[in-house]
Amino acid sequence: MACSEGQYLVKFIASNLLPKFKRVFKSAFSEKYLLLTNLGISVSLSGLGDAIEQRYEIMNDEIEKWNPLRTWHMSVSGLTVGFICHHWYKYLDKFLPGYTLRIVMKKIIVDQLVGSPLCISTFFITIGYLEGTEKDAFIEEIKQKAWKLYAAEWVIWPPAQFINFYLLPNKFRVLFDNTISLGYDIYTSRVKFTKGSSE
């Protein structure tokens, strides 16, 4: 009896749920909805990264409780950075079309020299605006913290972007970027909200 119920469940999933999932997935990554999909992924994973980091900080007695406003700010930064990434990858493919190793290596270099600083700047500008940070404090924070994120970018992104640029079509770039970026988002949250420059 259990076997037949299990077979029925598998058949139900295969015949009803899987086709619906495929339609939704195809629609979400269509040209019409791709920007919204990319923004949704970026917002969700930026917020999740901060929530994970805050949980870690609570467990280590670094903070007392979860700060939902901080997670909201990180999520909004995911929106702005996600918007930049969506258009950046389109521009990069137009500027450097193709999938040869030479083109992919050029894309990685341009991405690291232009795209990464652009995204890091967008992140700090967004958070600074949301927090109402004054100009001098904002500049000081950039001096103390932006280089940490940029150094981490050079470790994480060249190999990840090789896969992204060499194997994946443009429409899946932000999805892949954000999947890899979850760990980076956790680190970004730590760098942003750690007090002092020595940590």
Protein backbone atom coordinates (compact mmCIF):
# COMPACT_ATOMS: atom_id res chain seq x y z
CA MET A 1 0.00 0.00 0.00
CA ALA A 2 2.79 2.42 0.97
CA CYS A 3 4.61 1.61 -2.24
CA SER A 4 1.58 2.41 -4.38
CA GLU A 5 1.00 5.66 -2.45
CA GLY A 6 4.66 6.57 -3.03
CA GLN A 7 4.33 5.75 -6.73
CA TYR A 8 1.17 7.87 -6.92
CA LEU A 9 3.00 10.79 -5.26
CA VAL A 10 5.94 10.53 -7.68
CA LYS A 11 3.54 10.33 -10.65
CA PHE A 12 1.56 13.32 -9.33
CA ILE A 13 4.72 15.41 -8.92
CA ALA A 14 6.05 14.41 -12.35
CA SER A 15 2.78 15.04 -14.17
CA ASN A 16 1.43 18.09 -12.32
CA LEU A 17 3.99 19.97 -10.27
CA LEU A 18 7.10 19.58 -12.41
CA PRO A 19 5.53 21.03 -15.60
CA LYS A 20 4.19 24.00 -13.60
CA PHE A 21 7.61 24.58 -12.05
CA LYS A 22 9.24 24.45 -15.49
CA ARG A 23 6.76 27.02 -16.84
CA VAL A 24 7.31 29.37 -13.91
CA PHE A 25 11.11 28.96 -14.17
CA LYS A 26 11.06 29.61 -17.93
CA SER A 27 8.87 32.67 -17.48
CA ALA A 28 10.96 34.04 -14.59
CA PHE A 29 14.13 33.86 -16.70
CA SER A 30 12.52 35.20 -19.87
CA GLU A 31 13.59 38.60 -21.16
CA LYS A 32 10.27 40.05 -19.97
CA TYR A 33 10.73 39.16 -16.29
CA LEU A 34 14.49 38.71 -15.99
CA LEU A 35 15.14 42.04 -14.26
CA LEU A 36 12.43 41.36 -11.65
CA THR A 37 13.74 37.83 -11.13
CA ASN A 38 17.31 39.07 -10.68
CA LEU A 39 16.21 41.77 -8.26
CA GLY A 40 14.14 39.29 -6.25
CA ILE A 41 17.08 36.88 -5.99
CA SER A 42 19.49 39.68 -5.01
CA VAL A 43 17.18 41.13 -2.34
CA SER A 44 16.43 37.70 -0.86
CA LEU A 45 20.01 36.47 -0.66
CA SER A 46 21.42 39.76 0.64
CA GLY A 47 18.85 39.68 3.44
CA LEU A 48 19.50 35.99 4.11
CA GLY A 49 23.27 36.60 4.24
CA ASP A 50 22.77 39.28 6.88
CA ALA A 51 20.35 37.12 8.88
CA ILE A 52 22.91 34.29 8.92
CA GLU A 53 25.68 36.69 9.98
CA GLN A 54 23.52 38.17 12.74
CA ARG A 55 22.69 34.67 13.99
CA TYR A 56 26.42 33.95 14.16
CA GLU A 57 27.01 37.21 16.06
CA ILE A 58 24.23 36.37 18.54
CA MET A 59 25.71 32.89 19.13
CA ASN A 60 29.11 34.50 19.84
CA ASP A 61 27.61 37.17 22.11
CA GLU A 62 28.70 39.95 19.76
CA ILE A 63 25.15 41.29 19.59
CA GLU A 64 22.16 40.65 21.87
CA LYS A 65 19.37 40.15 19.36
CA TRP A 66 18.48 40.21 15.67
CA ASN A 67 18.21 43.70 14.18
CA PRO A 68 15.51 43.61 11.47
CA LEU A 69 16.37 47.13 10.28
CA ARG A 70 19.92 46.02 9.53
CA THR A 71 18.59 43.07 7.51
CA TRP A 72 16.20 45.40 5.71
CA HIS A 73 19.09 47.73 4.79
CA MET A 74 21.14 44.79 3.50
CA SER A 75 18.15 43.60 1.46
CA VAL A 76 17.73 47.05 -0.09
CA SER A 77 21.45 47.06 -0.92
CA GLY A 78 20.79 43.75 -2.69
CA LEU A 79 18.16 45.58 -4.77
CA THR A 80 20.55 48.32 -5.90
CA VAL A 81 23.54 46.04 -6.42
CA GLY A 82 21.29 43.50 -8.20
CA PHE A 83 20.10 46.24 -10.56
CA ILE A 84 23.72 47.16 -11.34
CA CYS A 85 24.70 43.50 -11.86
CA HIS A 86 21.76 42.84 -14.18
CA HIS A 87 22.75 45.68 -16.49
CA TRP A 88 26.49 45.20 -16.02
CA TYR A 89 26.41 41.63 -17.32
CA LYS A 90 24.35 42.68 -20.33
CA TYR A 91 26.79 45.48 -21.08
CA LEU A 92 29.80 43.20 -20.62
CA ASP A 93 28.39 40.68 -23.10
CA LYS A 94 27.71 43.44 -25.60
CA PHE A 95 31.16 45.00 -25.10
CA LEU A 96 32.99 41.65 -25.13
CA PRO A 97 30.80 39.14 -27.00
CA GLY A 98 31.70 35.47 -27.15
CA TYR A 99 32.81 32.54 -25.00
CA THR A 100 36.41 31.92 -26.05
CA LEU A 101 39.01 31.64 -23.29
CA ARG A 102 40.58 34.93 -24.38
CA ILE A 103 37.22 36.76 -24.22
CA VAL A 104 36.33 35.16 -20.88
CA MET A 105 39.67 36.22 -19.37
CA LYS A 106 39.11 39.79 -20.62
CA LYS A 107 35.62 39.77 -19.08
CA ILE A 108 37.02 38.60 -15.74
CA ILE A 109 39.65 41.36 -15.72
CA VAL A 110 37.17 44.08 -16.72
CA ASP A 111 34.68 42.74 -14.18
CA GLN A 112 37.27 42.87 -11.39
CA LEU A 113 38.63 46.30 -12.34
CA VAL A 114 35.31 48.01 -13.12
CA GLY A 115 32.34 45.86 -12.07
CA SER A 116 33.55 44.97 -8.56
CA PRO A 117 34.39 48.55 -7.49
CA LEU A 118 31.06 49.69 -8.98
CA CYS A 119 29.12 47.11 -6.95
CA ILE A 120 31.07 47.77 -3.74
CA SER A 121 30.51 51.53 -4.15
CA THR A 122 26.81 50.98 -4.81
CA PHE A 123 26.58 48.85 -1.66
CA PHE A 124 28.20 51.47 0.59
CA ILE A 125 26.27 54.36 -0.99
CA THR A 126 22.97 52.51 -0.50
CA ILE A 127 23.65 51.59 3.13
CA GLY A 128 25.07 55.05 3.86
CA TYR A 129 21.94 56.68 2.45
CA LEU A 130 19.60 54.38 4.38
CA GLU A 131 21.50 54.96 7.63
CA GLY A 132 21.74 58.72 7.07
CA THR A 133 25.53 58.61 7.36
CA GLU A 134 27.24 61.99 7.19
CA LYS A 135 29.77 62.62 4.43
CA ASP A 136 32.93 62.49 6.59
CA ALA A 137 31.84 59.29 8.36
CA PHE A 138 30.92 57.76 4.99
CA ILE A 139 34.34 58.54 3.51
CA GLU A 140 36.08 57.16 6.60
CA GLU A 141 34.06 53.95 6.41
CA ILE A 142 34.94 53.52 2.73
CA LYS A 143 38.64 53.95 3.60
CA GLN A 144 38.46 51.40 6.41
CA LYS A 145 36.19 48.74 4.93
CA ALA A 146 35.91 48.86 1.12
CA TRP A 147 39.41 47.45 0.57
CA LYS A 148 38.49 44.35 2.65
CA LEU A 149 35.56 43.61 0.37
CA TYR A 150 37.61 44.30 -2.74
CA ALA A 151 40.42 41.99 -1.56
CA ALA A 152 37.85 39.24 -0.93
CA GLU A 153 36.45 39.85 -4.43
CA TRP A 154 39.84 38.98 -5.94
CA VAL A 155 39.85 35.66 -4.10
CA ILE A 156 36.25 34.61 -4.77
CA TRP A 157 35.18 36.04 -8.10
CA PRO A 158 37.83 35.28 -10.75
CA PRO A 159 37.28 31.48 -10.54
CA ALA A 160 33.51 31.91 -10.07
CA GLN A 161 33.25 34.32 -12.97
CA PHE A 162 35.20 31.94 -15.18
CA ILE A 163 32.32 29.47 -14.77
CA ASN A 164 29.78 32.27 -15.08
CA PHE A 165 31.21 33.76 -18.28
CA TYR A 166 32.42 30.56 -19.92
CA LEU A 167 29.54 28.17 -19.27
CA LEU A 168 26.37 30.12 -18.53
CA PRO A 169 24.09 32.19 -20.75
CA ASN A 170 23.57 35.80 -19.70
CA LYS A 171 20.10 35.20 -18.24
CA PHE A 172 21.50 32.93 -15.52
CA ARG A 173 24.48 35.14 -14.58
CA VAL A 174 22.86 37.03 -11.69
CA LEU A 175 21.35 33.79 -10.33
CA PHE A 176 24.77 32.13 -10.32
CA ASP A 177 26.40 35.30 -9.01
CA ASN A 178 23.97 35.44 -6.07
CA THR A 179 24.27 31.74 -5.31
CA ILE A 180 28.04 32.11 -4.95
CA SER A 181 27.52 35.47 -3.30
CA LEU A 182 25.59 34.15 -0.30
CA GLY A 183 28.88 33.45 1.50
CA TYR A 184 30.24 36.79 0.31
CA ASP A 185 27.05 38.51 1.54
CA ILE A 186 27.65 37.05 4.99
CA TYR A 187 31.19 38.44 4.90
CA THR A 188 29.95 41.79 3.54
CA SER A 189 27.53 42.09 6.46
CA ARG A 190 30.34 41.30 8.91
CA VAL A 191 32.71 43.86 7.38
CA LYS A 192 30.01 46.53 7.23
CA PHE A 193 28.74 46.13 10.77
CA THR A 194 31.95 45.26 12.65
CA LYS A 195 32.96 48.17 14.80
CA GLY A 196 36.48 49.52 14.39
CA SER A 197 38.99 49.04 11.60
CA SER A 198 41.19 46.43 13.20
CA GLU A 199 38.72 43.54 13.08
